[in-house]
Structure formats: structure tokens, C-alpha cells
N, C-alpha and C. Protein backbone atom coordinates (compact mmCIF):
# COMPACT_ATOMS: atom_id res chain seq x y z
N MET A 1 135.38 69.48 183.41
CA MET A 1 134.96 69.12 182.07
C MET A 1 136.02 69.51 181.07
N HIS A 2 136.37 68.62 180.18
CA HIS A 2 137.39 68.86 179.17
C HIS A 2 136.79 69.60 177.99
N MET A 3 137.37 70.78 177.66
CA MET A 3 136.90 71.54 176.51
C MET A 3 137.88 71.34 175.37
N GLY A 4 137.46 70.65 174.36
CA GLY A 4 138.27 70.46 173.18
C GLY A 4 137.61 71.13 171.99
N ILE A 5 138.29 71.04 170.89
CA ILE A 5 137.74 71.60 169.66
C ILE A 5 136.69 70.63 169.16
N ARG A 6 135.44 71.07 169.16
CA ARG A 6 134.33 70.22 168.76
C ARG A 6 133.93 70.47 167.31
N ASN A 7 133.75 71.71 166.95
CA ASN A 7 133.30 72.05 165.62
C ASN A 7 134.33 72.97 164.97
N ARG A 8 135.22 72.37 164.20
CA ARG A 8 136.33 73.13 163.61
C ARG A 8 135.85 74.21 162.64
N LYS A 9 134.79 73.94 161.90
CA LYS A 9 134.28 74.93 160.95
C LYS A 9 133.84 76.19 161.69
N GLU A 10 133.11 76.01 162.75
CA GLU A 10 132.60 77.14 163.52
C GLU A 10 133.75 77.93 164.14
N ILE A 11 134.73 77.22 164.66
CA ILE A 11 135.86 77.88 165.30
C ILE A 11 136.70 78.63 164.27
N LEU A 12 136.96 78.02 163.12
CA LEU A 12 137.75 78.71 162.10
C LEU A 12 137.02 79.92 161.53
N ALA A 13 135.70 79.82 161.38
CA ALA A 13 134.93 80.98 160.94
C ALA A 13 135.03 82.09 161.98
N GLY A 14 134.94 81.75 163.26
CA GLY A 14 135.08 82.73 164.32
C GLY A 14 136.45 83.38 164.34
N VAL A 15 137.48 82.58 164.15
CA VAL A 15 138.84 83.13 164.11
C VAL A 15 139.01 84.06 162.91
N LEU A 16 138.43 83.68 161.78
CA LEU A 16 138.48 84.54 160.61
C LEU A 16 137.78 85.87 160.87
N PHE A 17 136.59 85.83 161.48
CA PHE A 17 135.86 87.06 161.81
C PHE A 17 136.65 87.90 162.80
N LEU A 18 137.22 87.25 163.82
CA LEU A 18 138.01 87.99 164.81
C LEU A 18 139.24 88.64 164.17
N THR A 19 139.91 87.93 163.29
CA THR A 19 141.09 88.47 162.63
C THR A 19 140.73 89.66 161.75
N LEU A 20 139.71 89.48 160.92
CA LEU A 20 139.29 90.57 160.04
C LEU A 20 138.78 91.76 160.85
N GLY A 21 137.97 91.50 161.86
CA GLY A 21 137.47 92.57 162.71
C GLY A 21 138.59 93.30 163.45
N GLY A 22 139.56 92.55 163.93
CA GLY A 22 140.71 93.17 164.60
C GLY A 22 141.53 94.03 163.66
N PHE A 23 141.74 93.55 162.44
CA PHE A 23 142.49 94.32 161.45
C PHE A 23 141.76 95.63 161.14
N VAL A 24 140.46 95.54 160.89
CA VAL A 24 139.67 96.74 160.57
C VAL A 24 139.64 97.68 161.77
N LEU A 25 139.54 97.14 162.96
CA LEU A 25 139.51 97.96 164.17
C LEU A 25 140.81 98.75 164.32
N VAL A 26 141.93 98.10 164.11
CA VAL A 26 143.22 98.78 164.21
C VAL A 26 143.37 99.81 163.09
N TYR A 27 142.99 99.43 161.88
CA TYR A 27 143.14 100.33 160.73
C TYR A 27 142.20 101.53 160.84
N ALA A 28 141.00 101.35 161.38
CA ALA A 28 140.03 102.44 161.49
C ALA A 28 140.45 103.50 162.49
N GLN A 29 141.38 103.18 163.37
CA GLN A 29 141.83 104.16 164.35
C GLN A 29 142.65 105.28 163.72
N ARG A 30 143.01 105.13 162.46
CA ARG A 30 143.73 106.19 161.74
C ARG A 30 142.83 107.36 161.41
N TYR A 31 141.52 107.15 161.49
CA TYR A 31 140.55 108.17 161.12
C TYR A 31 139.87 108.71 162.37
N PRO A 32 139.46 109.98 162.34
CA PRO A 32 138.76 110.52 163.51
C PRO A 32 137.41 109.84 163.73
N MET A 33 137.10 109.58 165.00
CA MET A 33 135.87 108.86 165.34
C MET A 33 134.64 109.77 165.27
N GLY A 34 134.73 110.95 165.82
CA GLY A 34 133.54 111.79 165.93
C GLY A 34 132.69 111.29 167.08
N THR A 35 131.41 111.63 167.04
CA THR A 35 130.47 111.19 168.06
C THR A 35 129.32 110.45 167.38
N ALA A 36 128.40 109.96 168.18
CA ALA A 36 127.26 109.24 167.60
C ALA A 36 126.37 110.18 166.79
N THR A 37 126.33 111.45 167.16
CA THR A 37 125.50 112.40 166.42
C THR A 37 126.25 113.06 165.28
N GLN A 38 127.56 113.15 165.38
CA GLN A 38 128.39 113.72 164.31
C GLN A 38 129.53 112.74 164.04
N MET A 39 129.20 111.72 163.28
CA MET A 39 130.15 110.63 163.03
C MET A 39 131.29 111.08 162.13
N GLY A 40 132.49 110.68 162.53
CA GLY A 40 133.65 110.91 161.69
C GLY A 40 133.85 109.72 160.76
N PRO A 41 134.87 109.80 159.90
CA PRO A 41 135.10 108.70 158.95
C PRO A 41 135.53 107.39 159.59
N GLY A 42 135.95 107.40 160.83
CA GLY A 42 136.35 106.18 161.50
C GLY A 42 135.25 105.53 162.32
N TYR A 43 134.11 106.19 162.44
CA TYR A 43 133.04 105.69 163.31
C TYR A 43 132.43 104.39 162.78
N PHE A 44 131.96 104.41 161.54
CA PHE A 44 131.28 103.23 161.00
C PHE A 44 132.22 102.02 160.89
N PRO A 45 133.45 102.18 160.38
CA PRO A 45 134.33 100.99 160.35
C PRO A 45 134.62 100.43 161.75
N THR A 46 134.73 101.31 162.74
CA THR A 46 134.98 100.84 164.10
C THR A 46 133.79 100.05 164.64
N VAL A 47 132.59 100.56 164.45
CA VAL A 47 131.39 99.85 164.92
C VAL A 47 131.24 98.53 164.18
N LEU A 48 131.46 98.55 162.87
CA LEU A 48 131.37 97.33 162.08
C LEU A 48 132.41 96.30 162.53
N ALA A 49 133.62 96.75 162.83
CA ALA A 49 134.67 95.85 163.30
C ALA A 49 134.30 95.24 164.65
N LEU A 50 133.72 96.03 165.52
CA LEU A 50 133.31 95.50 166.83
C LEU A 50 132.20 94.46 166.69
N VAL A 51 131.26 94.70 165.78
CA VAL A 51 130.19 93.72 165.53
C VAL A 51 130.79 92.44 164.96
N LEU A 52 131.74 92.58 164.04
CA LEU A 52 132.39 91.41 163.45
C LEU A 52 133.17 90.62 164.51
N CYS A 53 133.85 91.31 165.40
CA CYS A 53 134.56 90.62 166.49
C CYS A 53 133.58 89.91 167.43
N ALA A 54 132.45 90.55 167.71
CA ALA A 54 131.45 89.91 168.58
C ALA A 54 130.90 88.64 167.92
N LEU A 55 130.62 88.72 166.62
CA LEU A 55 130.16 87.52 165.90
C LEU A 55 131.23 86.44 165.90
N GLY A 56 132.48 86.84 165.78
CA GLY A 56 133.58 85.87 165.83
C GLY A 56 133.66 85.17 167.17
N MET A 57 133.49 85.94 168.24
CA MET A 57 133.51 85.33 169.57
C MET A 57 132.35 84.36 169.74
N ILE A 58 131.18 84.72 169.25
CA ILE A 58 130.03 83.83 169.32
C ILE A 58 130.31 82.53 168.57
N ASN A 59 130.91 82.65 167.39
CA ASN A 59 131.24 81.45 166.61
C ASN A 59 132.23 80.55 167.35
N VAL A 60 133.25 81.15 167.94
CA VAL A 60 134.26 80.36 168.64
C VAL A 60 133.62 79.64 169.83
N VAL A 61 132.81 80.34 170.61
CA VAL A 61 132.15 79.71 171.77
C VAL A 61 131.22 78.59 171.32
N GLN A 62 130.45 78.82 170.25
CA GLN A 62 129.57 77.77 169.75
C GLN A 62 130.37 76.58 169.24
N GLY A 63 131.51 76.84 168.62
CA GLY A 63 132.35 75.74 168.15
C GLY A 63 132.92 74.92 169.29
N LEU A 64 133.24 75.58 170.39
CA LEU A 64 133.77 74.86 171.55
C LEU A 64 132.68 74.10 172.31
N ARG A 65 131.44 74.59 172.23
CA ARG A 65 130.35 73.97 172.96
C ARG A 65 129.51 73.03 172.11
N ALA A 66 129.92 72.75 170.91
CA ALA A 66 129.13 71.90 170.00
C ALA A 66 128.96 70.50 170.59
N ALA A 67 127.82 69.90 170.26
CA ALA A 67 127.51 68.57 170.78
C ALA A 67 128.31 67.48 170.08
N HIS A 68 128.56 67.64 168.81
CA HIS A 68 129.25 66.62 168.03
C HIS A 68 130.54 67.16 167.45
N VAL A 69 131.52 66.30 167.36
CA VAL A 69 132.79 66.68 166.75
C VAL A 69 132.61 66.66 165.23
N THR A 70 132.95 67.77 164.59
CA THR A 70 132.91 67.83 163.13
C THR A 70 134.27 68.25 162.62
N SER A 71 134.60 67.74 161.48
CA SER A 71 135.88 68.11 160.89
C SER A 71 135.62 68.87 159.59
N ILE A 72 136.67 69.43 159.07
CA ILE A 72 136.58 70.18 157.82
C ILE A 72 136.97 69.26 156.68
N GLY A 73 136.09 69.13 155.71
CA GLY A 73 136.36 68.30 154.55
C GLY A 73 137.21 69.05 153.53
N PRO A 74 137.42 68.44 152.39
CA PRO A 74 138.21 69.11 151.35
C PRO A 74 137.47 70.33 150.80
N TRP A 75 138.22 71.35 150.46
CA TRP A 75 137.64 72.57 149.92
C TRP A 75 137.43 72.42 148.42
N PRO A 76 136.24 72.71 147.94
CA PRO A 76 136.05 72.74 146.49
C PRO A 76 136.69 74.01 145.93
N LEU A 77 137.71 73.85 145.12
CA LEU A 77 138.45 75.01 144.63
C LEU A 77 137.80 75.70 143.44
N ALA A 78 136.99 74.98 142.67
CA ALA A 78 136.36 75.59 141.50
C ALA A 78 135.44 76.76 141.87
N PRO A 79 134.56 76.64 142.86
CA PRO A 79 133.74 77.80 143.22
C PRO A 79 134.57 78.98 143.70
N LEU A 80 135.59 78.71 144.49
CA LEU A 80 136.46 79.78 144.97
C LEU A 80 137.15 80.48 143.82
N ALA A 81 137.66 79.70 142.87
CA ALA A 81 138.33 80.29 141.71
C ALA A 81 137.37 81.11 140.87
N CYS A 82 136.14 80.65 140.72
CA CYS A 82 135.15 81.39 139.92
C CYS A 82 134.74 82.69 140.60
N VAL A 83 134.60 82.69 141.89
CA VAL A 83 134.24 83.92 142.60
C VAL A 83 135.37 84.93 142.49
N VAL A 84 136.60 84.49 142.70
CA VAL A 84 137.75 85.39 142.57
C VAL A 84 137.86 85.89 141.13
N ALA A 85 137.68 85.01 140.16
CA ALA A 85 137.73 85.43 138.75
C ALA A 85 136.62 86.41 138.43
N GLY A 86 135.44 86.23 139.01
CA GLY A 86 134.34 87.16 138.79
C GLY A 86 134.65 88.55 139.32
N VAL A 87 135.24 88.62 140.51
CA VAL A 87 135.61 89.92 141.08
C VAL A 87 136.69 90.58 140.23
N LEU A 88 137.67 89.80 139.79
CA LEU A 88 138.72 90.35 138.92
C LEU A 88 138.17 90.80 137.58
N ALA A 89 137.22 90.04 137.02
CA ALA A 89 136.60 90.43 135.76
C ALA A 89 135.81 91.73 135.93
N PHE A 90 135.10 91.86 137.05
CA PHE A 90 134.37 93.09 137.32
C PHE A 90 135.33 94.28 137.37
N ALA A 91 136.44 94.11 138.09
CA ALA A 91 137.41 95.20 138.20
C ALA A 91 138.03 95.55 136.85
N ALA A 92 138.25 94.55 136.01
CA ALA A 92 138.85 94.81 134.70
C ALA A 92 137.86 95.44 133.74
N LEU A 93 136.58 95.14 133.85
CA LEU A 93 135.59 95.61 132.89
C LEU A 93 134.92 96.94 133.25
N ILE A 94 134.84 97.28 134.52
CA ILE A 94 134.03 98.41 134.94
C ILE A 94 134.47 99.73 134.32
N ASP A 95 135.77 99.99 134.22
CA ASP A 95 136.24 101.27 133.70
C ASP A 95 136.12 101.38 132.18
N ASP A 96 136.53 100.35 131.48
CA ASP A 96 136.58 100.43 130.01
C ASP A 96 135.28 100.05 129.33
N HIS A 97 134.51 99.14 129.91
CA HIS A 97 133.32 98.62 129.24
C HIS A 97 132.02 99.01 129.91
N GLY A 98 132.06 99.51 131.13
CA GLY A 98 130.85 99.99 131.79
C GLY A 98 130.29 99.03 132.83
N LEU A 99 129.23 99.51 133.46
CA LEU A 99 128.61 98.80 134.57
C LEU A 99 127.93 97.50 134.14
N PHE A 100 127.16 97.55 133.06
CA PHE A 100 126.38 96.37 132.67
C PHE A 100 127.26 95.18 132.28
N PRO A 101 128.28 95.34 131.42
CA PRO A 101 129.14 94.17 131.14
C PRO A 101 129.87 93.64 132.38
N ALA A 102 130.25 94.55 133.28
CA ALA A 102 130.94 94.11 134.50
C ALA A 102 130.01 93.31 135.40
N VAL A 103 128.77 93.76 135.53
CA VAL A 103 127.79 93.04 136.36
C VAL A 103 127.47 91.68 135.73
N ILE A 104 127.29 91.66 134.43
CA ILE A 104 127.01 90.40 133.73
C ILE A 104 128.16 89.41 133.95
N ALA A 105 129.40 89.89 133.84
CA ALA A 105 130.56 89.01 134.02
C ALA A 105 130.62 88.44 135.43
N VAL A 106 130.39 89.29 136.44
CA VAL A 106 130.50 88.79 137.81
C VAL A 106 129.36 87.82 138.13
N VAL A 107 128.18 88.05 137.59
CA VAL A 107 127.07 87.12 137.82
C VAL A 107 127.33 85.80 137.11
N MET A 108 127.80 85.85 135.88
CA MET A 108 128.09 84.62 135.13
C MET A 108 129.17 83.79 135.82
N MET A 109 130.20 84.45 136.31
CA MET A 109 131.26 83.72 136.99
C MET A 109 130.78 83.18 138.33
N GLY A 110 129.96 83.94 139.03
CA GLY A 110 129.45 83.50 140.33
C GLY A 110 128.45 82.36 140.21
N CYS A 111 127.77 82.27 139.08
CA CYS A 111 126.77 81.22 138.84
C CYS A 111 127.31 80.17 137.87
N TYR A 112 128.58 79.89 137.93
CA TYR A 112 129.23 79.02 136.93
C TYR A 112 128.57 77.65 136.85
N GLU A 113 128.23 77.05 137.97
CA GLU A 113 127.66 75.70 137.96
C GLU A 113 126.20 75.72 137.53
N ARG A 114 125.49 76.74 137.97
CA ARG A 114 124.08 76.86 137.64
C ARG A 114 123.87 77.23 136.17
N LEU A 115 124.87 77.85 135.57
CA LEU A 115 124.77 78.31 134.18
C LEU A 115 124.54 77.15 133.21
N THR A 116 125.15 76.01 133.45
CA THR A 116 124.98 74.87 132.55
C THR A 116 123.66 74.14 132.77
N ARG A 117 123.14 74.18 134.01
CA ARG A 117 121.91 73.46 134.31
C ARG A 117 120.66 74.31 134.17
N ARG A 118 120.76 75.59 134.51
CA ARG A 118 119.60 76.49 134.52
C ARG A 118 119.95 77.85 133.93
N PRO A 119 120.17 77.91 132.63
CA PRO A 119 120.59 79.18 132.03
C PRO A 119 119.53 80.29 132.13
N LEU A 120 118.26 79.93 132.09
CA LEU A 120 117.22 80.96 132.22
C LEU A 120 117.21 81.58 133.61
N GLU A 121 117.48 80.77 134.61
CA GLU A 121 117.56 81.29 135.98
C GLU A 121 118.73 82.27 136.12
N VAL A 122 119.86 81.93 135.50
CA VAL A 122 121.02 82.82 135.54
C VAL A 122 120.72 84.12 134.78
N ALA A 123 120.00 84.01 133.65
CA ALA A 123 119.61 85.21 132.91
C ALA A 123 118.70 86.10 133.75
N ALA A 124 117.80 85.50 134.50
CA ALA A 124 116.92 86.27 135.38
C ALA A 124 117.71 86.95 136.50
N ILE A 125 118.68 86.23 137.05
CA ILE A 125 119.54 86.82 138.08
C ILE A 125 120.30 88.00 137.50
N CYS A 126 120.81 87.84 136.27
CA CYS A 126 121.52 88.94 135.61
C CYS A 126 120.62 90.16 135.45
N LEU A 127 119.41 89.96 135.00
CA LEU A 127 118.49 91.08 134.81
C LEU A 127 118.18 91.79 136.12
N VAL A 128 117.95 91.02 137.18
CA VAL A 128 117.66 91.62 138.48
C VAL A 128 118.88 92.40 138.99
N MET A 129 120.06 91.81 138.86
CA MET A 129 121.27 92.49 139.32
C MET A 129 121.58 93.73 138.49
N LEU A 130 121.33 93.67 137.19
CA LEU A 130 121.53 94.85 136.34
C LEU A 130 120.59 95.97 136.76
N ALA A 131 119.32 95.64 136.98
CA ALA A 131 118.35 96.65 137.40
C ALA A 131 118.74 97.23 138.76
N LEU A 132 119.12 96.37 139.68
CA LEU A 132 119.52 96.83 141.01
C LEU A 132 120.76 97.71 140.95
N ALA A 133 121.75 97.30 140.16
CA ALA A 133 122.97 98.10 140.02
C ALA A 133 122.66 99.46 139.41
N TRP A 134 121.78 99.49 138.40
CA TRP A 134 121.44 100.76 137.77
C TRP A 134 120.72 101.67 138.75
N VAL A 135 119.74 101.11 139.49
CA VAL A 135 118.98 101.93 140.44
C VAL A 135 119.89 102.49 141.52
N VAL A 136 120.75 101.65 142.08
CA VAL A 136 121.58 102.09 143.20
C VAL A 136 122.69 103.02 142.74
N PHE A 137 123.46 102.62 141.73
CA PHE A 137 124.67 103.36 141.38
C PHE A 137 124.45 104.50 140.39
N ILE A 138 123.55 104.33 139.45
CA ILE A 138 123.34 105.36 138.45
C ILE A 138 122.23 106.33 138.89
N TYR A 139 121.08 105.80 139.26
CA TYR A 139 119.94 106.64 139.60
C TYR A 139 120.05 107.26 141.00
N ALA A 140 120.27 106.41 142.01
CA ALA A 140 120.21 106.90 143.40
C ALA A 140 121.40 107.75 143.80
N ILE A 141 122.61 107.24 143.60
CA ILE A 141 123.77 108.01 144.06
C ILE A 141 124.53 108.67 142.92
N ASP A 142 124.05 108.53 141.70
CA ASP A 142 124.55 109.28 140.54
C ASP A 142 126.07 109.15 140.37
N LEU A 143 126.58 107.94 140.43
CA LEU A 143 128.00 107.72 140.20
C LEU A 143 128.33 107.97 138.73
N PRO A 144 129.45 108.59 138.48
CA PRO A 144 129.82 108.86 137.09
C PRO A 144 130.47 107.63 136.42
N ILE A 145 129.68 106.59 136.22
CA ILE A 145 130.17 105.38 135.55
C ILE A 145 129.36 105.20 134.27
N ASP A 146 130.05 104.75 133.24
CA ASP A 146 129.33 104.41 132.01
C ASP A 146 128.53 103.15 132.21
N VAL A 147 127.34 103.13 131.59
CA VAL A 147 126.51 101.93 131.67
C VAL A 147 127.01 100.90 130.67
N TRP A 148 127.39 101.32 129.49
CA TRP A 148 127.93 100.44 128.46
C TRP A 148 129.34 100.82 128.14
């Protein structure tokens, strides 16, 4: 039986997972592993990298065994640019302006298309993310970040 590339999306996602998992696995070896009961700083990244590599292998096998041949269409660059811009805006705002403006900026940039069609939905997402960020980072783990 001839095994060709059947589902390019699945295979490329698997290769991406394998590459990222391999990089993290190699990089995590710089830290002591510890044991399962007394984990060192390298334990969790190593386990996470192994899980990512396993998921990558599953994706590659599923891509090779797919029933129909699928190709990759053109990439929409606007969503990618908005997500990257949102992360950069968060990084630029978090220190000088605080947690809430940074979260609002990343949500607005991440919901760029939905913002024009459903602004109330985006406002609700902002409120939920602000509450979640405050509970996790300010209340639960007491990070020394300004809220405003």
C-alpha cells in the first residue's frame, strides 16, 4: 500500500508539535529533573514536552492515514497580525499601565473581527477576562502588578 501525504494540515500541525516539543525537551534538560514526589524545575517542562511530542506523532499518523487528500489554503494574515499585535500590546502595557489596560488591549486585538459586528459580546469577554485575571494574578497568587 502506498502511503502518501493525505492531510497536509494534520501533518504540518504534528511536525510543529514535534518540533516545539523537541526544543522544549532539549532545553528542559538544563534543569534538574528531581523525582515524581520531589519535582525539580525541569520535571514539568519535560513531561509537557513529551506529551506535546506524543500529540505530534498522533497528528502525523492521522495525517498519513486520512481518507481524503486535503491541501492547505491561503493563510489569512489579518487574524495572525492581530493576535501578535495583541500580545505585543499586552507586553508594552503591563508594566507602565497595569493589568486591566493590558488585558483589555489583548482582548480587543484578539476579537478584532467580532468587535465591529458584536461589540457587546466583546465587552462581556473583556469583563470576564478582567475578572479572571484579577482573581488569578492579584487575589490568588498575589503578583505585585498594578491593576491600573
